[in-house]
Amino acid sequence: METNHTIYSRLMSLISSSAFWVAALLIAGLVGGLWFVRAGDSAWEAAPLAAVLALTAVVGITWQQSRASAWRRLQAALAAYAEREIRQQQHRTARIPKKVD
């Protein structure tokens, strides 16, 4: 069963991720456009631009994967903690003697 909080959290995560990638592409496009205009007709001056954009893409993808992995680890840890707490609560309530009238 999914709660509204979970659905809202997933939606916000999707929007946040999308906004990040849109901003990254806009910045890369702006830098690339300015660099190409500055380079003029020389292809050799545009080579560092390709290197910078490739490096930016690699760093961005690596960072995004790292965040996703950390999120999965956090969710797994929280799920394990919740399961342990539920088991302990069930164990405590099973040991409490019931009153007989």
N, C-alpha and C. Protein backbone atom coordinates (compact mmCIF):
# COMPACT_ATOMS: atom_id res chain seq x y z
N MET A 1 0.84 -1.18 0.00
CA MET A 1 0.00 0.00 0.00
C MET A 1 0.89 1.25 0.00
N GLU A 2 0.67 2.11 -0.94
CA GLU A 2 1.45 3.34 -1.02
C GLU A 2 0.67 4.48 -0.39
N THR A 3 1.38 5.25 0.41
CA THR A 3 0.73 6.41 1.01
C THR A 3 0.92 7.61 0.10
N ASN A 4 0.19 8.67 0.39
CA ASN A 4 0.33 9.89 -0.39
C ASN A 4 1.73 10.46 -0.25
N HIS A 5 2.33 10.27 0.93
CA HIS A 5 3.69 10.77 1.16
C HIS A 5 4.68 10.09 0.21
N THR A 6 4.53 8.79 0.02
CA THR A 6 5.43 8.06 -0.87
C THR A 6 5.26 8.53 -2.31
N ILE A 7 4.03 8.68 -2.73
CA ILE A 7 3.76 9.14 -4.09
C ILE A 7 4.30 10.55 -4.28
N TYR A 8 4.08 11.42 -3.29
CA TYR A 8 4.57 12.80 -3.35
C TYR A 8 6.10 12.80 -3.39
N SER A 9 6.72 11.95 -2.58
CA SER A 9 8.18 11.89 -2.54
C SER A 9 8.75 11.44 -3.89
N ARG A 10 8.13 10.45 -4.50
CA ARG A 10 8.60 9.98 -5.80
C ARG A 10 8.42 11.06 -6.87
N LEU A 11 7.30 11.76 -6.81
CA LEU A 11 7.05 12.82 -7.77
C LEU A 11 8.07 13.94 -7.61
N MET A 12 8.33 14.34 -6.38
CA MET A 12 9.30 15.40 -6.13
C MET A 12 10.71 14.95 -6.55
N SER A 13 11.03 13.70 -6.33
CA SER A 13 12.33 13.17 -6.73
C SER A 13 12.47 13.23 -8.25
N LEU A 14 11.43 12.85 -8.95
CA LEU A 14 11.45 12.89 -10.41
C LEU A 14 11.59 14.32 -10.93
N ILE A 15 10.82 15.23 -10.33
CA ILE A 15 10.89 16.63 -10.74
C ILE A 15 12.27 17.21 -10.44
N SER A 16 12.81 16.89 -9.27
CA SER A 16 14.12 17.39 -8.87
C SER A 16 15.21 16.89 -9.82
N SER A 17 15.15 15.59 -10.13
CA SER A 17 16.14 15.02 -11.03
C SER A 17 16.03 15.63 -12.42
N SER A 18 14.81 15.77 -12.90
CA SER A 18 14.60 16.37 -14.22
C SER A 18 15.09 17.81 -14.26
N ALA A 19 14.78 18.57 -13.21
CA ALA A 19 15.23 19.97 -13.15
C ALA A 19 16.75 20.05 -13.14
N PHE A 20 17.39 19.14 -12.42
CA PHE A 20 18.85 19.12 -12.38
C PHE A 20 19.43 18.89 -13.78
N TRP A 21 18.89 17.90 -14.49
CA TRP A 21 19.43 17.59 -15.82
C TRP A 21 19.14 18.69 -16.83
N VAL A 22 17.98 19.31 -16.73
CA VAL A 22 17.66 20.43 -17.62
C VAL A 22 18.62 21.58 -17.37
N ALA A 23 18.86 21.89 -16.08
CA ALA A 23 19.79 22.97 -15.74
C ALA A 23 21.21 22.64 -16.23
N ALA A 24 21.62 21.40 -16.05
CA ALA A 24 22.96 21.00 -16.50
C ALA A 24 23.10 21.13 -18.02
N LEU A 25 22.07 20.70 -18.74
CA LEU A 25 22.12 20.81 -20.20
C LEU A 25 22.11 22.27 -20.66
N LEU A 26 21.32 23.11 -20.00
CA LEU A 26 21.31 24.53 -20.36
C LEU A 26 22.66 25.19 -20.11
N ILE A 27 23.26 24.88 -18.97
CA ILE A 27 24.57 25.45 -18.66
C ILE A 27 25.62 24.95 -19.65
N ALA A 28 25.61 23.65 -19.93
CA ALA A 28 26.56 23.09 -20.89
C ALA A 28 26.34 23.70 -22.28
N GLY A 29 25.09 23.87 -22.66
CA GLY A 29 24.80 24.49 -23.96
C GLY A 29 25.26 25.93 -24.03
N LEU A 30 25.06 26.68 -22.95
CA LEU A 30 25.51 28.07 -22.91
C LEU A 30 27.03 28.15 -23.00
N VAL A 31 27.71 27.35 -22.19
CA VAL A 31 29.18 27.35 -22.23
C VAL A 31 29.67 26.91 -23.60
N GLY A 32 29.05 25.85 -24.13
CA GLY A 32 29.46 25.35 -25.45
C GLY A 32 29.22 26.38 -26.54
N GLY A 33 28.07 27.03 -26.50
CA GLY A 33 27.77 28.05 -27.50
C GLY A 33 28.75 29.21 -27.45
N LEU A 34 29.02 29.69 -26.26
CA LEU A 34 29.99 30.78 -26.12
C LEU A 34 31.38 30.36 -26.58
N TRP A 35 31.76 29.14 -26.24
CA TRP A 35 33.08 28.65 -26.61
C TRP A 35 33.20 28.53 -28.13
N PHE A 36 32.15 28.01 -28.78
CA PHE A 36 32.19 27.88 -30.24
C PHE A 36 32.24 29.24 -30.92
N VAL A 37 31.49 30.19 -30.40
CA VAL A 37 31.52 31.54 -30.97
C VAL A 37 32.92 32.13 -30.83
N ARG A 38 33.53 31.90 -29.66
CA ARG A 38 34.88 32.41 -29.41
C ARG A 38 35.92 31.70 -30.29
N ALA A 39 35.68 30.40 -30.54
CA ALA A 39 36.65 29.62 -31.31
C ALA A 39 36.69 30.06 -32.77
N GLY A 40 35.58 30.55 -33.27
CA GLY A 40 35.56 31.00 -34.66
C GLY A 40 35.69 29.84 -35.62
N ASP A 41 36.67 29.92 -36.50
CA ASP A 41 36.85 28.90 -37.53
C ASP A 41 37.84 27.81 -37.13
N SER A 42 38.51 27.96 -36.03
CA SER A 42 39.54 27.01 -35.64
C SER A 42 38.93 25.82 -34.90
N ALA A 43 39.12 24.63 -35.46
CA ALA A 43 38.63 23.42 -34.82
C ALA A 43 39.47 23.06 -33.61
N TRP A 44 40.75 23.46 -33.61
CA TRP A 44 41.62 23.12 -32.48
C TRP A 44 41.21 23.85 -31.20
N GLU A 45 40.63 25.02 -31.33
CA GLU A 45 40.17 25.74 -30.15
C GLU A 45 38.89 25.15 -29.59
N ALA A 46 38.17 24.40 -30.40
CA ALA A 46 36.94 23.76 -29.94
C ALA A 46 37.22 22.41 -29.27
N ALA A 47 38.40 21.85 -29.43
CA ALA A 47 38.73 20.55 -28.84
C ALA A 47 38.65 20.58 -27.30
N PRO A 48 39.18 21.63 -26.64
CA PRO A 48 39.03 21.65 -25.18
C PRO A 48 37.56 21.69 -24.74
N LEU A 49 36.72 22.32 -25.54
CA LEU A 49 35.29 22.36 -25.21
C LEU A 49 34.73 20.95 -25.17
N ALA A 50 35.05 20.14 -26.15
CA ALA A 50 34.56 18.77 -26.18
C ALA A 50 35.05 17.99 -24.97
N ALA A 51 36.31 18.22 -24.59
CA ALA A 51 36.87 17.54 -23.42
C ALA A 51 36.14 17.98 -22.14
N VAL A 52 35.91 19.27 -22.01
CA VAL A 52 35.23 19.79 -20.81
C VAL A 52 33.79 19.25 -20.74
N LEU A 53 33.08 19.27 -21.86
CA LEU A 53 31.71 18.76 -21.85
C LEU A 53 31.66 17.26 -21.57
N ALA A 54 32.60 16.51 -22.12
CA ALA A 54 32.65 15.06 -21.85
C ALA A 54 32.95 14.80 -20.38
N LEU A 55 33.90 15.54 -19.83
CA LEU A 55 34.23 15.38 -18.41
C LEU A 55 33.04 15.76 -17.53
N THR A 56 32.35 16.82 -17.89
CA THR A 56 31.17 17.24 -17.14
C THR A 56 30.09 16.16 -17.18
N ALA A 57 29.89 15.56 -18.33
CA ALA A 57 28.89 14.49 -18.45
C ALA A 57 29.27 13.29 -17.60
N VAL A 58 30.54 12.90 -17.63
CA VAL A 58 30.99 11.75 -16.83
C VAL A 58 30.82 12.02 -15.34
N VAL A 59 31.22 13.21 -14.91
CA VAL A 59 31.09 13.57 -13.49
C VAL A 59 29.62 13.61 -13.09
N GLY A 60 28.77 14.20 -13.93
CA GLY A 60 27.35 14.28 -13.63
C GLY A 60 26.69 12.92 -13.52
N ILE A 61 26.99 12.04 -14.44
CA ILE A 61 26.41 10.70 -14.41
C ILE A 61 26.90 9.92 -13.19
N THR A 62 28.19 10.04 -12.91
CA THR A 62 28.75 9.35 -11.74
C THR A 62 28.11 9.86 -10.46
N TRP A 63 27.95 11.17 -10.36
CA TRP A 63 27.35 11.76 -9.16
C TRP A 63 25.91 11.32 -9.01
N GLN A 64 25.16 11.29 -10.10
CA GLN A 64 23.76 10.88 -10.05
C GLN A 64 23.65 9.42 -9.64
N GLN A 65 24.52 8.57 -10.16
CA GLN A 65 24.51 7.16 -9.79
C GLN A 65 24.87 6.98 -8.32
N SER A 66 25.79 7.77 -7.84
CA SER A 66 26.18 7.71 -6.44
C SER A 66 25.01 8.09 -5.54
N ARG A 67 24.28 9.14 -5.93
CA ARG A 67 23.10 9.55 -5.14
C ARG A 67 22.04 8.46 -5.15
N ALA A 68 21.81 7.85 -6.28
CA ALA A 68 20.81 6.79 -6.38
C ALA A 68 21.20 5.60 -5.52
N SER A 69 22.47 5.26 -5.54
CA SER A 69 22.96 4.14 -4.73
C SER A 69 22.82 4.45 -3.24
N ALA A 70 23.16 5.66 -2.85
CA ALA A 70 23.03 6.07 -1.45
C ALA A 70 21.57 6.04 -1.02
N TRP A 71 20.67 6.46 -1.90
CA TRP A 71 19.24 6.44 -1.59
C TRP A 71 18.75 5.01 -1.38
N ARG A 72 19.20 4.09 -2.24
CA ARG A 72 18.79 2.69 -2.08
C ARG A 72 19.33 2.11 -0.78
N ARG A 73 20.59 2.43 -0.43
CA ARG A 73 21.15 1.95 0.84
C ARG A 73 20.37 2.50 2.03
N LEU A 74 20.01 3.77 1.98
CA LEU A 74 19.24 4.37 3.06
C LEU A 74 17.89 3.69 3.20
N GLN A 75 17.20 3.47 2.09
CA GLN A 75 15.89 2.81 2.13
C GLN A 75 16.00 1.39 2.67
N ALA A 76 17.05 0.67 2.28
CA ALA A 76 17.25 -0.70 2.79
C ALA A 76 17.52 -0.68 4.29
N ALA A 77 18.32 0.27 4.76
CA ALA A 77 18.61 0.37 6.19
C ALA A 77 17.35 0.71 6.97
N LEU A 78 16.54 1.63 6.46
CA LEU A 78 15.30 1.99 7.14
C LEU A 78 14.32 0.82 7.17
N ALA A 79 14.25 0.06 6.08
CA ALA A 79 13.37 -1.10 6.04
C ALA A 79 13.82 -2.16 7.04
N ALA A 80 15.12 -2.40 7.12
CA ALA A 80 15.65 -3.38 8.08
C ALA A 80 15.37 -2.93 9.51
N TYR A 81 15.56 -1.65 9.77
CA TYR A 81 15.28 -1.11 11.10
C TYR A 81 13.81 -1.27 11.45
N ALA A 82 12.93 -0.96 10.53
CA ALA A 82 11.49 -1.09 10.78
C ALA A 82 11.11 -2.54 11.05
N GLU A 83 11.66 -3.47 10.28
CA GLU A 83 11.38 -4.89 10.50
C GLU A 83 11.84 -5.32 11.89
N ARG A 84 13.02 -4.89 12.28
CA ARG A 84 13.55 -5.24 13.60
C ARG A 84 12.66 -4.68 14.71
N GLU A 85 12.22 -3.43 14.56
CA GLU A 85 11.34 -2.83 15.56
C GLU A 85 10.00 -3.55 15.63
N ILE A 86 9.47 -3.95 14.50
CA ILE A 86 8.20 -4.68 14.49
C ILE A 86 8.35 -6.02 15.20
N ARG A 87 9.44 -6.75 14.91
CA ARG A 87 9.67 -8.03 15.57
C ARG A 87 9.82 -7.86 17.07
N GLN A 88 10.56 -6.82 17.51
CA GLN A 88 10.73 -6.59 18.94
C GLN A 88 9.41 -6.24 19.59
N GLN A 89 8.59 -5.45 18.95
CA GLN A 89 7.28 -5.09 19.50
C GLN A 89 6.39 -6.32 19.62
N GLN A 90 6.42 -7.17 18.60
CA GLN A 90 5.61 -8.39 18.65
C GLN A 90 6.10 -9.31 19.76
N HIS A 91 7.41 -9.36 19.95
CA HIS A 91 7.99 -10.19 21.01
C HIS A 91 7.58 -9.67 22.38
N ARG A 92 7.60 -8.35 22.55
CA ARG A 92 7.20 -7.74 23.84
C ARG A 92 5.73 -8.01 24.14
N THR A 93 4.87 -7.83 23.14
CA THR A 93 3.44 -8.02 23.39
C THR A 93 3.11 -9.49 23.60
N ALA A 94 3.88 -10.39 23.04
CA ALA A 94 3.63 -11.82 23.24
C ALA A 94 3.99 -12.25 24.66
N ARG A 95 4.93 -11.56 25.29
CA ARG A 95 5.37 -11.93 26.64
C ARG A 95 4.48 -11.34 27.73
N ILE A 96 3.70 -10.33 27.43
CA ILE A 96 2.84 -9.70 28.44
C ILE A 96 1.67 -10.62 28.73
N PRO A 97 1.51 -11.01 30.01
CA PRO A 97 0.39 -11.90 30.34
C PRO A 97 -0.93 -11.14 30.23
N LYS A 98 -1.92 -11.84 29.73
CA LYS A 98 -3.24 -11.23 29.57
C LYS A 98 -4.02 -11.41 30.86
N LYS A 99 -4.77 -10.38 31.22
CA LYS A 99 -5.59 -10.43 32.42
C LYS A 99 -6.85 -11.25 32.15
N VAL A 100 -7.16 -12.09 33.08
CA VAL A 100 -8.38 -12.90 32.96
C VAL A 100 -9.34 -12.41 34.03
N ASP A 101 -10.52 -12.04 33.62
CA ASP A 101 -11.52 -11.56 34.60
C ASP A 101 -12.29 -12.68 35.20
